[in-house]
Amino acid sequence: LTTTQRSTPHVTSWPGRERQISLSQALMMSLELCVAHSKTDMNVRWLKDGKELSDGRYYHIDSYSDGTCSLIIAGLDRKDAGKYTCEASNKFGKVSHSAKVVVAPMFMTELQNQEVQDGYPVSFDCIVIGKPLPTVRWFKDGKAIEENDHYMINEDQEGCHQLIITAVVPTDMGVYRCLAENNMGVASTKAELRVDCKSQNLCSKNSQRIKHLIFLHLQFFV
């Protein structure tokens, strides 16, 4: 008489806790989970945020004779952030372990050096991604900038960030930095502002300054 041990699959890697993996400028990500073979047929599947993944051009899923189950994702994007789970099951039950893939802050477009006439507005623009959504702060020559009548700060949910100086004065010359931070890391971009102090007709200058300021607002929110 032979007997079969009634047991669920046993995970031999990834201890019983979530792992966090930082996704930065990598083009490909590989996750592996080793599962000891049970004496009965076993099924392994991968899920992202609770939805099962299918093997194909984007997700490459493999199982090997030593019990290793791997998921490879090609062409990484910020949408790939989330919770990945490897689930192994047989007729006696199932076991699963997860890894949380998060995106460290990364600037898709960086600040550009600017030169503007005294009295005119100017904007610094950039796009940053990250998950969790990064906290963004602005600095001039190492000192934090607070929004007021002189500085306007805009942002949207797509990661676009903008600092507007409403009317440049010579003391605005310096280095401006945008710093993005979440619990996976910090990234920053910087640029220099130069001010042209040539004198112009004041009435004409103020009229042009207002038109330019309105244009900067419309350009950001289009």
Protein backbone atom coordinates (compact mmCIF):
# COMPACT_ATOMS: atom_id res chain seq x y z
CA LEU A 1 0.00 0.00 0.00
CA THR A 2 1.44 3.35 -0.99
CA THR A 3 0.38 6.68 0.44
CA THR A 4 0.74 10.18 -0.92
CA GLN A 5 1.65 12.96 1.49
CA ARG A 6 -1.09 15.56 1.54
CA SER A 7 0.69 18.90 1.41
CA THR A 8 0.53 22.19 -0.39
CA PRO A 9 3.51 23.41 -2.47
CA HIS A 10 6.38 24.79 -0.45
CA VAL A 11 8.09 28.09 -1.25
CA THR A 12 11.84 27.97 -0.72
CA SER A 13 12.61 31.61 -1.53
CA TRP A 14 11.04 35.00 -0.89
CA PRO A 15 10.46 34.92 2.87
CA GLY A 16 6.96 35.60 4.14
CA ARG A 17 6.96 39.33 3.54
CA GLU A 18 6.63 41.70 0.63
CA ARG A 19 9.74 42.89 -1.14
CA GLN A 20 10.06 46.30 -2.73
CA ILE A 21 11.91 46.58 -6.02
CA SER A 22 12.91 49.99 -7.37
CA LEU A 23 12.20 50.54 -11.03
CA SER A 24 14.34 53.30 -12.53
CA GLN A 25 15.76 53.48 -16.05
CA ALA A 26 16.00 49.71 -16.53
CA LEU A 27 14.59 48.33 -19.78
CA MET A 28 13.72 44.90 -18.41
CA MET A 29 12.73 43.46 -15.05
CA SER A 30 12.98 39.85 -13.90
CA LEU A 31 11.18 38.33 -10.91
CA GLU A 32 11.89 34.80 -9.76
CA LEU A 33 10.19 32.60 -7.22
CA CYS A 34 11.46 29.10 -6.40
CA VAL A 35 8.80 26.51 -5.54
CA ALA A 36 9.61 23.00 -4.34
CA HIS A 37 7.80 20.35 -6.38
CA SER A 38 4.94 18.60 -4.67
CA LYS A 39 4.18 14.92 -5.24
CA THR A 40 0.99 15.85 -7.03
CA ASP A 41 0.51 18.01 -10.08
CA MET A 42 1.13 21.66 -9.37
CA ASN A 43 -0.03 24.81 -11.15
CA VAL A 44 1.83 28.12 -11.00
CA ARG A 45 0.47 31.47 -12.10
CA TRP A 46 1.54 35.13 -11.87
CA LEU A 47 -0.75 38.01 -10.96
CA LYS A 48 -0.39 41.79 -11.00
CA ASP A 49 -2.62 43.69 -8.58
CA GLY A 50 -4.83 40.61 -8.37
CA LYS A 51 -5.22 40.06 -12.14
CA GLU A 52 -3.66 37.00 -13.76
CA LEU A 53 -0.90 37.61 -16.32
CA SER A 54 -0.61 35.68 -19.56
CA ASP A 55 2.60 34.60 -21.26
CA GLY A 56 3.14 36.61 -24.45
CA ARG A 57 5.19 39.35 -26.09
CA TYR A 58 5.16 41.62 -23.04
CA TYR A 59 5.14 39.16 -20.14
CA HIS A 60 7.47 36.16 -20.41
CA ILE A 61 6.55 33.41 -17.94
CA ASP A 62 8.65 30.26 -17.50
CA SER A 63 8.84 27.31 -15.13
CA TYR A 64 11.99 25.18 -14.84
CA SER A 65 12.70 21.65 -13.69
CA ASP A 66 14.38 22.85 -10.48
CA GLY A 67 11.14 24.49 -9.39
CA THR A 68 12.10 28.03 -10.36
CA CYS A 69 9.26 30.11 -11.76
CA SER A 70 10.22 33.37 -13.46
CA LEU A 71 8.43 36.41 -14.81
CA ILE A 72 10.27 38.74 -17.19
CA ILE A 73 8.78 42.06 -18.25
CA ALA A 74 10.24 43.75 -21.32
CA GLY A 75 9.97 47.44 -22.16
CA LEU A 76 9.33 48.66 -18.63
CA ASP A 77 7.04 51.62 -18.08
CA ARG A 78 5.66 53.40 -15.01
CA LYS A 79 2.37 51.50 -15.47
CA ASP A 80 4.30 48.34 -14.51
CA ALA A 81 4.49 49.51 -10.91
CA GLY A 82 2.29 47.44 -8.63
CA LYS A 83 2.06 44.25 -6.60
CA TYR A 84 3.23 41.05 -8.32
CA THR A 85 2.25 37.69 -6.88
CA CYS A 86 3.43 34.19 -7.71
CA GLU A 87 0.83 31.60 -6.71
CA ALA A 88 1.54 27.84 -6.62
CA SER A 89 -1.31 25.40 -6.06
CA ASN A 90 -2.17 21.71 -6.09
CA LYS A 91 -5.31 19.80 -5.13
CA PHE A 92 -4.46 20.18 -1.43
CA GLY A 93 -4.15 23.96 -1.40
CA LYS A 94 -2.09 26.88 -2.54
CA VAL A 95 0.64 29.23 -1.37
CA SER A 96 1.66 32.64 -2.71
CA HIS A 97 4.25 35.33 -2.18
CA SER A 98 4.43 38.86 -3.50
CA ALA A 99 6.82 41.60 -4.50
CA LYS A 100 5.85 45.25 -4.77
CA VAL A 101 7.44 47.04 -7.71
CA VAL A 102 7.70 50.79 -7.18
CA VAL A 103 9.14 53.55 -9.33
CA ALA A 104 11.85 55.78 -7.92
CA PRO A 105 11.54 59.41 -9.11
CA MET A 106 12.87 59.94 -12.61
CA PHE A 107 12.80 63.11 -14.74
CA MET A 108 11.48 62.53 -18.26
CA THR A 109 12.22 66.15 -19.22
CA GLU A 110 14.65 68.36 -17.32
CA LEU A 111 14.90 72.07 -16.60
CA GLN A 112 16.51 74.24 -19.28
CA ASN A 113 18.70 77.31 -18.79
CA GLN A 114 16.79 80.55 -19.32
CA GLU A 115 17.68 84.14 -20.19
CA VAL A 116 15.00 86.83 -19.87
CA GLN A 117 14.73 90.60 -19.77
CA ASP A 118 14.29 92.41 -16.49
CA GLY A 119 10.55 92.75 -15.72
CA TYR A 120 9.37 89.85 -17.87
CA PRO A 121 7.99 86.52 -16.60
CA VAL A 122 9.83 83.24 -17.09
CA SER A 123 8.97 79.60 -16.44
CA PHE A 124 10.91 76.47 -15.62
CA ASP A 125 9.16 73.28 -16.72
CA CYS A 126 9.86 69.58 -16.20
CA ILE A 127 8.14 66.19 -16.12
CA VAL A 128 8.86 63.66 -13.38
CA ILE A 129 7.45 60.17 -12.85
CA GLY A 130 7.40 57.93 -9.82
CA LYS A 131 5.15 55.63 -7.82
CA PRO A 132 4.22 56.46 -5.13
CA LEU A 133 3.73 59.92 -6.63
CA PRO A 134 6.81 61.98 -5.71
CA THR A 135 6.72 65.08 -3.58
CA VAL A 136 8.23 67.96 -5.55
CA ARG A 137 10.02 71.01 -4.12
CA TRP A 138 11.67 74.00 -5.78
CA PHE A 139 14.90 75.73 -4.73
CA LYS A 140 16.89 78.80 -5.73
CA ASP A 141 20.58 78.71 -4.87
CA GLY A 142 19.86 76.01 -2.30
CA LYS A 143 17.00 77.84 -0.55
CA ALA A 144 13.44 76.52 -0.68
CA ILE A 145 10.94 78.52 -2.75
CA GLU A 146 7.47 79.21 -1.37
CA GLU A 147 4.58 80.21 -3.62
CA ASN A 148 3.68 83.90 -3.40
CA ASP A 149 3.03 86.90 -5.68
CA HIS A 150 6.51 86.54 -7.16
CA TYR A 151 6.63 82.74 -7.56
CA MET A 152 3.80 80.63 -8.97
CA ILE A 153 3.99 76.82 -8.78
CA ASN A 154 1.86 74.56 -11.00
CA GLU A 155 1.57 70.77 -11.21
CA ASP A 156 -0.79 68.12 -12.54
CA GLN A 157 -1.40 64.40 -12.07
CA GLU A 158 0.59 63.55 -15.21
CA GLY A 159 3.85 64.61 -13.57
CA CYS A 160 4.16 68.05 -15.21
CA HIS A 161 5.66 70.67 -12.90
CA GLN A 162 6.20 74.38 -13.52
CA LEU A 163 7.74 77.28 -11.64
CA ILE A 164 6.81 80.75 -12.92
CA ILE A 165 8.59 83.94 -11.86
CA THR A 166 5.94 86.55 -12.55
CA ALA A 167 8.27 89.55 -13.03
CA VAL A 168 12.00 88.89 -13.13
CA VAL A 169 14.36 91.23 -11.26
CA PRO A 170 18.16 91.11 -11.27
CA THR A 171 18.23 89.34 -7.88
CA ASP A 172 16.40 86.39 -9.47
CA MET A 173 19.58 85.40 -11.28
CA GLY A 174 20.89 82.11 -9.99
CA VAL A 175 20.49 78.33 -10.10
CA TYR A 176 17.00 76.81 -9.81
CA ARG A 177 16.50 73.19 -8.83
CA CYS A 178 13.46 70.93 -8.86
CA LEU A 179 13.74 68.04 -6.40
CA ALA A 180 11.40 65.01 -6.48
CA GLU A 181 11.26 62.48 -3.66
CA ASN A 182 9.29 59.38 -2.68
CA ASN A 183 10.06 56.51 -0.30
CA MET A 184 12.22 54.82 -2.95
CA GLY A 185 14.61 57.65 -3.73
CA VAL A 186 15.36 61.21 -4.74
CA ALA A 187 16.02 62.84 -8.11
CA SER A 188 16.62 66.43 -9.14
CA THR A 189 17.21 68.66 -12.13
CA LYS A 190 18.63 72.19 -12.23
CA ALA A 191 19.05 75.13 -14.57
CA GLU A 192 20.45 78.65 -14.51
CA LEU A 193 18.53 81.90 -14.92
CA ARG A 194 20.24 84.95 -16.43
CA VAL A 195 18.60 88.38 -16.42
CA ASP A 196 19.07 90.97 -19.18
CA CYS A 197 18.98 94.33 -17.38
CA LYS A 198 18.75 96.59 -20.48
CA SER A 199 16.32 99.48 -19.89
CA GLN A 200 13.14 99.69 -21.98
CA ASN A 201 10.02 101.82 -22.10
CA LEU A 202 8.20 100.90 -18.87
CA CYS A 203 4.62 101.01 -20.26
CA SER A 204 5.53 98.83 -23.23
CA LYS A 205 7.43 96.46 -20.98
CA ASN A 206 4.52 95.98 -18.55
CA SER A 207 2.08 95.34 -21.40
CA GLN A 208 4.34 92.68 -22.90
CA ARG A 209 5.00 91.16 -19.47
CA ILE A 210 1.28 90.61 -18.80
CA LYS A 211 0.77 89.03 -22.24
CA HIS A 212 3.73 86.73 -21.69
CA LEU A 213 2.49 85.70 -18.23
CA ILE A 214 -0.97 84.80 -19.61
CA PHE A 215 0.72 82.77 -22.37
CA LEU A 216 2.75 80.77 -19.84
CA HIS A 217 -0.41 79.87 -17.90
CA LEU A 218 -2.31 78.79 -21.01
CA GLN A 219 0.64 76.79 -22.28
CA PHE A 220 0.83 74.74 -19.06
CA PHE A 221 -2.87 73.88 -18.82
CA VAL A 222 -3.47 73.03 -22.49
